[in-house]
Amino acid sequence: MRLKLLLIIYICFSLIACSQSDSEIENAPTENLASTEAMYFPPSDSDVWETKSLSSLGWHQDKVQDLLNYLQSKNSKSFIILQNGRIVMENYFSGHTATTPWYWASAGKTLTSTVTGIAEQEGFLNINNKVSTYIGTGWTSAPLAKENLITCRNLLTMTSGLDDSLGDDVSPSNLKYKADAGTRWAYHNVYVKLQDVVAAATGQTWTQYFNTKLKDKIGMTGSWIQSGDNSVYWSTTRSMARFGLMALNNGNWNGNQIINTAYFQNAVNTSQNINLAYGYLWWLNGKSSYHLPQTQFQFNGKLIPSAPDDMYCALGKNDQKIYVVPGKKLVIVRMGDAADNVNLALSDFDDVLWQKINAVIN
């Protein structure tokens, strides 16, 4: 009898334990379950793209309309959030559609950074070599000794030492000496000379090499279009998101290492000791100080206080944005006209936008 009683008690405890275990699994945070989910990459030859619901992530549906209202009021044309590669939000405004191309502006600098790294890994160039190694001397009007100080790395890090007050014209007569390369950070259109370096080093046109080594491999659409003194990339919002997804994965696209991890990690970390918030043409959040275009003033604090510290981003004129957040496996894209006033990269819009995003995702 006693043995039978003990057996009954044991069975009861077992059932309670199982019930608790099932309940724990059922109520496990969605974030933990999502963390085991495989990263998704959309097919390169198709418009198919898997989606994910806000509820599956535990996000706040009731905060979405406030975010969308803000985006629309700030002249946005498109907005996408990817989580682990899948589309959670995709919205278009004012007649813009999923198939309408729009300009990346300076957010496209990150394309140049990436393709320069690809050319280096293929042995065509070394970013530590002087620029004149590839495109000859006389590409600036600086004294030859000063011109020869300028390396490809200086162009990647905005430390060429050339005068940034003279506009975007990169003809030799407009590229004047201001300081020794590496001693001054200044946002300057001279970075575009890296496209000439890649073309000369590879023996291909910039567009040919870009298309073969990056665009086609990750299924992007779009093209480079000359606009005044600038070569500007135009594409759909989803193509911008594809590039962001590759960046989220340290240069890997569905198992194919497009650009080596070491170079890419250098690109998305502090590249010099003047502007801590700048890598190889990427902007970096979470640093103790930053510089902005057209000023030598050092601002203390983070680039975008409301955004995650581990975020790196491609920022372009009139608020073209790719935000990449590794810790949350997020890629966020915004395209459109200037949210407020015309600006080269960062604006107050970034911080308020992140406050609205945080209300949805946290």
Protein backbone atom coordinates (compact mmCIF):
# COMPACT_ATOMS: atom_id res chain seq x y z
CA MET A 1 0.00 0.00 0.00
CA ARG A 2 2.78 2.40 0.94
CA LEU A 3 4.62 1.59 -2.28
CA LYS A 4 1.47 2.29 -4.25
CA LEU A 5 1.03 5.67 -2.50
CA LEU A 6 4.63 6.67 -3.28
CA LEU A 7 4.10 5.72 -6.92
CA ILE A 8 0.99 7.93 -7.15
CA ILE A 9 2.89 10.89 -5.59
CA TYR A 10 5.79 10.39 -8.03
CA ILE A 11 3.41 10.38 -11.01
CA CYS A 12 1.71 13.59 -9.81
CA PHE A 13 5.04 15.42 -9.44
CA SER A 14 6.07 14.22 -12.90
CA LEU A 15 2.88 15.55 -14.45
CA ILE A 16 3.34 18.95 -12.73
CA ALA A 17 6.94 19.15 -13.91
CA CYS A 18 5.93 18.32 -17.48
CA SER A 19 3.17 20.90 -17.34
CA GLN A 20 5.60 23.57 -16.16
CA SER A 21 8.10 22.63 -18.86
CA ASP A 22 5.47 22.84 -21.59
CA SER A 23 4.29 26.18 -20.22
CA GLU A 24 7.85 27.55 -20.17
CA ILE A 25 8.38 26.52 -23.78
CA GLU A 26 5.05 28.00 -24.80
CA ASN A 27 5.80 31.29 -23.05
CA ALA A 28 9.48 31.49 -24.05
CA PRO A 29 10.39 34.94 -25.32
CA THR A 30 9.91 35.20 -29.08
CA GLU A 31 13.33 36.85 -29.29
CA ASN A 32 15.04 33.72 -27.93
CA LEU A 33 13.20 31.47 -30.37
CA ALA A 34 14.02 33.84 -33.25
CA SER A 35 17.71 33.79 -32.35
CA THR A 36 17.91 30.14 -33.40
CA GLU A 37 16.28 30.87 -36.74
CA ALA A 38 18.54 30.63 -39.80
CA MET A 39 19.44 33.86 -41.58
CA TYR A 40 17.34 34.27 -44.72
CA PHE A 41 18.61 35.50 -48.08
CA PRO A 42 16.16 36.25 -50.91
CA PRO A 43 16.88 34.48 -54.22
CA SER A 44 19.15 36.50 -56.50
CA ASP A 45 17.03 35.85 -59.59
CA SER A 46 13.55 36.45 -58.18
CA ASP A 47 11.33 39.03 -56.52
CA VAL A 48 10.33 36.48 -53.87
CA TRP A 49 11.21 37.65 -50.36
CA GLU A 50 10.01 35.92 -47.20
CA THR A 51 8.17 38.02 -44.65
CA LYS A 52 7.74 37.86 -40.89
CA SER A 53 4.94 39.28 -38.75
CA LEU A 54 5.43 41.86 -36.04
CA SER A 55 3.53 39.64 -33.61
CA SER A 56 5.96 36.76 -34.14
CA LEU A 57 8.71 39.08 -32.89
CA GLY A 58 6.69 40.50 -30.03
CA TRP A 59 6.84 43.97 -31.60
CA HIS A 60 4.22 46.64 -30.94
CA GLN A 61 1.67 46.82 -33.73
CA ASP A 62 -0.05 49.74 -31.98
CA LYS A 63 3.08 51.90 -32.47
CA VAL A 64 3.44 51.23 -36.21
CA GLN A 65 1.02 53.91 -37.41
CA ASP A 66 2.87 56.61 -35.49
CA LEU A 67 6.10 55.53 -37.20
CA LEU A 68 4.45 55.53 -40.63
CA ASN A 69 2.82 58.91 -40.04
CA TYR A 70 6.20 60.35 -39.10
CA LEU A 71 7.90 58.87 -42.17
CA GLN A 72 5.21 60.25 -44.46
CA SER A 73 5.29 63.69 -42.84
CA LYS A 74 9.07 63.77 -43.39
CA ASN A 75 8.96 63.31 -47.19
CA SER A 76 9.84 59.61 -47.19
CA LYS A 77 9.35 57.55 -50.32
CA SER A 78 10.08 54.10 -48.91
CA PHE A 79 10.87 52.27 -45.70
CA ILE A 80 11.89 48.67 -45.05
CA ILE A 81 12.79 46.72 -41.92
CA LEU A 82 14.45 43.31 -42.27
CA GLN A 83 14.89 41.06 -39.24
CA ASN A 84 17.19 38.09 -39.82
CA GLY A 85 16.79 38.77 -43.52
CA ARG A 86 12.99 38.60 -43.65
CA ILE A 87 10.80 41.62 -44.36
CA VAL A 88 8.83 42.75 -41.31
CA MET A 89 7.76 46.15 -42.63
CA GLU A 90 7.77 47.45 -46.21
CA ASN A 91 6.01 50.71 -46.93
CA TYR A 92 5.90 53.15 -49.84
CA PHE A 93 4.63 56.71 -49.88
CA SER A 94 3.48 59.39 -52.33
CA GLY A 95 3.25 57.13 -55.38
CA HIS A 96 6.66 55.51 -54.93
CA THR A 97 6.58 51.73 -55.48
CA ALA A 98 8.73 48.64 -54.98
CA THR A 99 9.91 48.94 -58.59
CA THR A 100 10.68 52.69 -58.58
CA PRO A 101 14.40 53.52 -58.53
CA TRP A 102 15.73 56.29 -56.29
CA TYR A 103 19.17 57.72 -55.68
CA TRP A 104 21.47 56.51 -52.88
CA ALA A 105 23.49 59.76 -52.83
CA SER A 106 26.43 59.37 -50.42
CA ALA A 107 24.98 56.17 -48.97
CA GLY A 108 26.50 54.71 -52.15
CA LYS A 109 29.98 55.47 -50.83
CA THR A 110 29.68 52.13 -49.02
CA LEU A 111 29.37 50.43 -52.42
CA THR A 112 32.69 51.98 -53.43
CA SER A 113 34.27 50.91 -50.14
CA THR A 114 33.08 47.33 -50.66
CA VAL A 115 34.21 47.00 -54.27
CA THR A 116 37.61 48.50 -53.41
CA GLY A 117 37.98 45.75 -50.81
CA ILE A 118 37.00 43.10 -53.34
CA ALA A 119 39.65 44.38 -55.76
CA GLU A 120 42.22 44.20 -52.97
CA GLN A 121 41.33 40.64 -52.02
CA GLU A 122 41.68 39.64 -55.66
CA GLY A 123 45.21 41.04 -55.69
CA PHE A 124 44.60 43.99 -58.00
CA LEU A 125 45.48 46.69 -55.49
CA ASN A 126 46.66 47.41 -51.97
CA ILE A 127 44.83 50.15 -50.07
CA ASN A 128 48.09 51.12 -48.35
CA ASN A 129 49.63 52.08 -51.70
CA LYS A 130 49.54 55.67 -52.87
CA VAL A 131 46.75 56.56 -55.26
CA SER A 132 49.22 57.63 -57.95
CA THR A 133 50.48 54.02 -58.14
CA TYR A 134 47.30 53.25 -60.06
CA ILE A 135 46.20 56.45 -61.80
CA GLY A 136 49.52 58.25 -62.23
CA THR A 137 50.81 61.48 -60.76
CA GLY A 138 49.18 64.86 -61.33
CA TRP A 139 45.70 63.71 -60.32
CA THR A 140 45.70 66.64 -57.85
CA SER A 141 47.23 70.13 -57.97
CA ALA A 142 49.07 69.47 -54.69
CA PRO A 143 52.88 69.49 -54.73
CA LEU A 144 54.07 66.05 -55.88
CA ALA A 145 55.59 65.21 -52.51
CA LYS A 146 52.25 65.93 -50.83
CA GLU A 147 50.20 64.11 -53.48
CA ASN A 148 52.36 61.04 -52.98
CA LEU A 149 51.38 60.94 -49.31
CA ILE A 150 47.78 60.18 -50.27
CA THR A 151 47.00 56.46 -50.17
CA CYS A 152 43.86 54.59 -51.13
CA ARG A 153 43.25 54.13 -47.40
CA ASN A 154 43.22 57.94 -47.03
CA LEU A 155 40.43 58.13 -49.60
CA LEU A 156 38.49 55.40 -47.76
CA THR A 157 38.82 57.22 -44.44
CA MET A 158 38.33 60.83 -45.63
CA THR A 159 41.84 61.81 -44.60
CA SER A 160 43.29 62.86 -47.97
CA GLY A 161 44.29 66.29 -46.65
CA LEU A 162 42.78 67.93 -49.75
CA ASP A 163 40.72 71.11 -49.41
CA ASP A 164 37.06 70.15 -48.81
CA SER A 165 35.75 73.72 -49.26
CA LEU A 166 36.06 73.71 -53.06
CA GLY A 167 33.01 71.63 -53.98
CA ASP A 168 32.58 68.22 -55.58
CA ASP A 169 34.66 68.77 -58.72
CA VAL A 170 37.50 66.21 -58.64
CA SER A 171 39.49 67.53 -61.60
CA PRO A 172 43.16 68.09 -60.68
CA SER A 173 42.82 71.88 -60.57
CA ASN A 174 40.14 71.61 -57.88
CA LEU A 175 41.99 69.12 -55.67
CA LYS A 176 44.22 71.42 -53.65
CA TYR A 177 46.53 70.69 -50.74
CA LYS A 178 45.24 71.65 -47.30
CA ALA A 179 47.12 69.36 -44.89
CA ASP A 180 49.30 66.27 -45.00
CA ALA A 181 47.32 63.10 -45.70
CA GLY A 182 46.27 61.36 -42.50
CA THR A 183 46.37 64.48 -40.31
CA ARG A 184 42.92 65.94 -41.05
CA TRP A 185 39.45 64.38 -41.43
CA ALA A 186 37.21 66.13 -43.94
CA TYR A 187 34.22 64.83 -45.89
CA HIS A 188 35.32 65.15 -49.50
CA ASN A 189 34.06 63.90 -52.87
CA VAL A 190 37.64 62.88 -53.76
CA TYR A 191 36.78 59.38 -52.48
CA VAL A 192 35.27 58.78 -55.94
CA LYS A 193 38.82 58.52 -57.28
CA LEU A 194 38.76 55.00 -55.80
CA GLN A 195 36.51 54.06 -58.71
CA ASP A 196 39.26 55.18 -61.09
CA VAL A 197 41.78 53.20 -59.04
CA VAL A 198 39.69 50.03 -59.28
CA ALA A 199 39.15 50.49 -63.02
CA ALA A 200 42.86 51.05 -63.68
CA ALA A 201 43.96 48.20 -61.42
CA THR A 202 41.51 45.63 -62.81
CA GLY A 203 41.58 46.67 -66.46
CA GLN A 204 37.77 46.85 -66.44
CA THR A 205 35.38 49.77 -66.28
CA TRP A 206 34.13 50.58 -62.80
CA THR A 207 30.60 49.53 -63.80
CA GLN A 208 31.74 46.20 -65.28
CA TYR A 209 33.70 45.27 -62.18
CA PHE A 210 30.97 46.49 -59.80
CA ASN A 211 28.28 44.54 -61.63
CA THR A 212 30.27 41.30 -61.81
CA LYS A 213 31.69 41.29 -58.30
CA LEU A 214 28.85 42.75 -56.25
CA LYS A 215 25.59 43.72 -57.93
CA ASP A 216 24.93 40.47 -59.80
CA LYS A 217 26.09 38.24 -56.94
CA ILE A 218 23.52 39.55 -54.47
CA GLY A 219 20.71 40.16 -56.96
CA MET A 220 20.71 43.96 -56.92
CA THR A 221 19.21 46.07 -59.67
CA GLY A 222 20.19 49.63 -60.51
CA SER A 223 22.91 51.61 -62.21
CA TRP A 224 25.47 54.38 -61.76
CA ILE A 225 24.31 57.69 -63.21
CA GLN A 226 26.47 60.77 -63.63
CA SER A 227 24.96 63.75 -61.85
CA GLY A 228 27.08 66.88 -62.17
CA ASP A 229 30.42 66.09 -60.53
CA ASN A 230 29.07 62.94 -58.87
CA SER A 231 28.54 59.37 -59.97
CA VAL A 232 25.37 58.36 -58.10
CA TYR A 233 23.83 54.92 -57.71
CA TRP A 234 20.11 54.53 -58.34
CA SER A 235 18.15 51.42 -57.42
CA THR A 236 14.97 50.11 -55.84
CA THR A 237 14.60 50.10 -52.08
CA ARG A 238 14.82 46.30 -52.01
CA SER A 239 18.18 46.44 -53.78
CA MET A 240 19.40 48.79 -51.08
CA ALA A 241 18.10 46.30 -48.51
CA ARG A 242 19.98 43.46 -50.23
CA PHE A 243 23.24 45.34 -49.82
CA GLY A 244 22.38 46.03 -46.19
CA LEU A 245 21.72 42.32 -45.65
CA MET A 246 25.13 41.44 -47.05
CA ALA A 247 26.63 44.03 -44.69
CA LEU A 248 24.74 42.52 -41.74
CA ASN A 249 26.43 39.22 -42.56
CA ASN A 250 29.98 40.61 -42.65
CA GLY A 251 30.20 40.57 -46.43
CA ASN A 252 28.66 37.11 -46.84
CA TRP A 253 25.69 36.38 -49.08
CA ASN A 254 24.03 33.04 -48.46
CA GLY A 255 27.33 31.25 -47.88
CA ASN A 256 29.26 33.12 -50.57
CA GLN A 257 31.89 35.44 -49.07
CA ILE A 258 31.56 38.45 -51.36
CA ILE A 259 34.21 40.44 -49.49
CA ASN A 260 36.61 39.05 -46.90
CA THR A 261 35.56 39.44 -43.29
CA ALA A 262 38.79 41.11 -42.13
CA TYR A 263 38.46 43.99 -44.60
CA PHE A 264 34.77 44.39 -43.91
CA GLN A 265 35.32 44.52 -40.15
CA ASN A 266 37.93 47.23 -40.70
CA ALA A 267 35.40 49.07 -42.85
CA VAL A 268 32.76 49.15 -40.09
CA ASN A 269 35.06 50.09 -37.23
CA THR A 270 36.93 53.31 -36.42
CA SER A 271 39.50 53.82 -39.20
CA GLN A 272 41.55 56.76 -37.84
CA ASN A 273 41.86 58.69 -34.59
CA ILE A 274 40.23 61.96 -35.67
CA ASN A 275 36.61 61.04 -36.46
CA LEU A 276 35.91 58.00 -34.29
CA ALA A 277 32.51 57.57 -35.91
CA TYR A 278 33.90 56.84 -39.37
CA GLY A 279 35.16 53.62 -40.92
CA TYR A 280 35.85 53.01 -44.62
CA LEU A 281 33.07 55.30 -45.92
CA TRP A 282 30.68 53.83 -43.30
CA TRP A 283 29.29 55.87 -40.38
CA LEU A 284 29.51 54.29 -36.92
CA ASN A 285 27.29 54.74 -33.90
CA GLY A 286 28.18 54.30 -30.24
CA LYS A 287 31.48 56.19 -30.28
CA SER A 288 32.46 58.88 -27.77
CA SER A 289 32.68 61.65 -30.37
CA TYR A 290 32.14 62.38 -34.05
CA HIS A 291 32.77 64.91 -36.82
CA LEU A 292 30.28 66.01 -39.48
CA PRO A 293 30.72 67.19 -43.08
CA GLN A 294 31.83 70.78 -43.69
CA THR A 295 33.14 71.41 -40.20
CA GLN A 296 36.26 70.61 -38.22
CA PHE A 297 34.35 70.75 -34.94
CA GLN A 298 34.36 67.65 -32.75
CA PHE A 299 30.95 66.77 -31.29
CA ASN A 300 30.99 64.74 -28.09
CA GLY A 301 28.63 61.82 -27.67
CA LYS A 302 27.13 59.27 -30.02
CA LEU A 303 26.26 59.94 -33.64
CA ILE A 304 22.60 58.91 -33.14
CA PRO A 305 21.86 58.73 -29.40
CA SER A 306 18.56 56.83 -29.74
CA ALA A 307 20.03 54.14 -32.01
CA PRO A 308 21.84 50.96 -30.87
CA ASP A 309 25.54 51.41 -30.10
CA ASP A 310 26.60 48.59 -32.43
CA MET A 311 24.90 50.13 -35.45
CA TYR A 312 26.83 51.09 -38.58
CA CYS A 313 25.18 52.93 -41.40
CA ALA A 314 25.30 54.26 -44.93
CA LEU A 315 24.09 57.87 -44.91
CA GLY A 316 23.37 59.97 -47.98
CA LYS A 317 22.25 63.45 -48.91
CA ASN A 318 18.60 64.23 -48.17
CA ASP A 319 18.27 61.37 -45.70
CA GLN A 320 18.99 58.24 -47.70
CA LYS A 321 19.69 55.62 -45.03
CA ILE A 322 20.83 52.05 -44.50
CA TYR A 323 21.01 51.19 -40.81
CA VAL A 324 22.64 47.85 -39.92
CA VAL A 325 22.26 46.56 -36.34
CA PRO A 326 24.11 43.25 -35.81
CA GLY A 327 22.91 42.74 -32.21
CA LYS A 328 19.26 42.78 -33.31
CA LYS A 329 19.86 41.27 -36.76
CA LEU A 330 18.21 44.32 -38.30
CA VAL A 331 18.58 46.12 -41.61
CA ILE A 332 16.51 49.29 -41.98
CA VAL A 333 16.28 51.35 -45.18
CA ARG A 334 14.76 54.80 -45.71
CA MET A 335 14.72 56.55 -49.08
CA GLY A 336 13.13 59.85 -50.01
CA ASP A 337 13.49 63.61 -50.14
CA ALA A 338 15.11 65.59 -47.33
CA ALA A 339 13.16 65.15 -44.10
CA ASP A 340 13.68 68.78 -43.19
CA ASN A 341 16.44 70.87 -44.73
CA VAL A 342 18.91 69.69 -47.37
CA ASN A 343 21.77 67.89 -45.65
CA LEU A 344 24.82 65.86 -46.68
CA ALA A 345 24.41 62.87 -44.38
CA LEU A 346 23.26 63.02 -40.77
CA SER A 347 20.31 65.11 -39.55
CA ASP A 348 18.07 65.45 -36.49
CA PHE A 349 15.65 63.22 -38.37
CA ASP A 350 17.84 60.18 -37.60
CA ASP A 351 17.42 60.44 -33.83
CA VAL A 352 13.66 61.05 -33.88
CA LEU A 353 13.19 58.27 -36.42
CA TRP A 354 15.01 55.89 -34.09
CA GLN A 355 12.77 56.91 -31.21
CA LYS A 356 9.79 55.90 -33.36
CA ILE A 357 11.48 52.64 -34.43
CA ASN A 358 12.34 51.79 -30.82
CA ALA A 359 8.68 52.21 -29.82
CA VAL A 360 7.83 49.49 -32.34
CA ILE A 361 10.65 47.01 -31.79
CA ASN A 362 11.35 47.25 -28.03
